[in-house]
Protein backbone atom coordinates (compact mmCIF):
# COMPACT_ATOMS: atom_id res chain seq x y z
CA UNK A 1 0.00 0.00 0.00
CA UNK A 2 1.42 3.39 -0.95
CA UNK A 3 1.96 6.20 1.53
CA UNK A 4 -0.87 8.19 -0.10
CA UNK A 5 -3.32 5.29 0.31
CA UNK A 6 -2.50 5.05 4.03
CA UNK A 7 -2.86 8.77 4.70
CA UNK A 8 -5.60 9.91 7.09
CA UNK A 9 -5.46 13.50 5.81
CA UNK A 10 -4.32 15.13 2.60
CA UNK A 11 -2.81 18.57 2.25
CA UNK A 12 -4.29 21.01 -0.25
CA UNK A 13 -1.32 20.60 -2.64
CA UNK A 14 -1.81 16.79 -2.52
CA UNK A 15 -5.49 17.24 -3.44
CA UNK A 16 -4.40 19.46 -6.34
CA UNK A 17 -1.95 16.82 -7.52
CA UNK A 18 -4.55 14.06 -7.37
CA UNK A 19 -7.13 16.13 -9.24
CA UNK A 20 -4.64 17.48 -11.75
CA UNK A 21 -5.21 21.11 -10.80
CA UNK A 22 -2.89 23.81 -9.52
CA UNK A 23 -2.31 24.45 -5.84
CA UNK A 24 -4.13 27.79 -6.19
CA UNK A 25 -7.18 26.16 -7.79
CA UNK A 26 -7.17 23.48 -5.08
CA UNK A 27 -7.26 26.17 -2.38
CA UNK A 28 -10.05 27.97 -4.23
CA UNK A 29 -12.08 24.74 -4.43
CA UNK A 30 -11.56 23.76 -0.80
CA UNK A 31 -12.33 27.26 0.51
CA UNK A 32 -15.48 27.61 -1.60
CA UNK A 33 -18.99 26.86 -0.35
CA UNK A 34 -19.31 24.36 -3.21
CA UNK A 35 -16.49 22.10 -2.03
CA UNK A 36 -17.78 18.52 -2.43
CA UNK A 37 -15.73 17.07 0.45
CA UNK A 38 -14.87 18.10 4.01
CA UNK A 39 -11.85 20.16 4.95
CA UNK A 40 -10.59 21.04 8.42
CA UNK A 41 -8.24 23.71 9.62
CA UNK A 42 -5.53 22.51 11.98
CA UNK A 43 -3.71 25.61 13.15
CA UNK A 44 -2.81 27.45 9.95
CA UNK A 45 -2.98 24.31 7.84
CA UNK A 46 -6.01 23.13 5.85
CA UNK A 47 -6.37 19.35 5.70
CA UNK A 48 -8.82 17.12 3.86
CA UNK A 49 -9.82 13.85 5.58
CA UNK A 50 -8.93 11.00 3.22
CA UNK A 51 -12.24 9.19 3.81
CA UNK A 52 -14.23 12.30 2.84
CA UNK A 53 -12.19 12.81 -0.34
CA UNK A 54 -12.41 9.14 -1.36
CA UNK A 55 -16.16 9.01 -0.68
CA UNK A 56 -16.68 11.97 -3.02
CA UNK A 57 -14.29 10.54 -5.62
CA UNK A 58 -15.99 7.14 -5.58
CA UNK A 59 -19.38 8.81 -6.06
CA UNK A 60 -18.03 10.16 -9.37
CA UNK A 61 -16.39 6.92 -10.49
CA UNK A 62 -19.03 4.44 -9.30
CA UNK A 63 -18.06 1.54 -7.06
CA UNK A 64 -14.44 1.33 -8.22
CA UNK A 65 -11.72 2.33 -5.79
CA UNK A 66 -9.70 5.37 -6.77
CA UNK A 67 -6.30 4.62 -8.21
CA UNK A 68 -3.67 7.31 -8.10
CA UNK A 69 -0.16 7.19 -9.44
CA UNK A 70 2.38 6.55 -6.75
CA UNK A 71 4.98 9.25 -6.17
CA UNK A 72 7.58 6.47 -6.35
CA UNK A 73 6.90 5.77 -10.03
């Protein structure tokens, strides 16, 4: 299992990488009222719970589990 698959939270830049959008666009999405998944602020950092992100992602893709490229590749 990759490090990303084991993560409990994702950073905003990680969400941007997974969605193929810039860091700026990821922040805009997460800070908007239309954000389709939960985000929490921990101190100055914004984090996205992995289970919330995957639940949203799976709702788009059907019942298949999300597959992301490993950073090791």
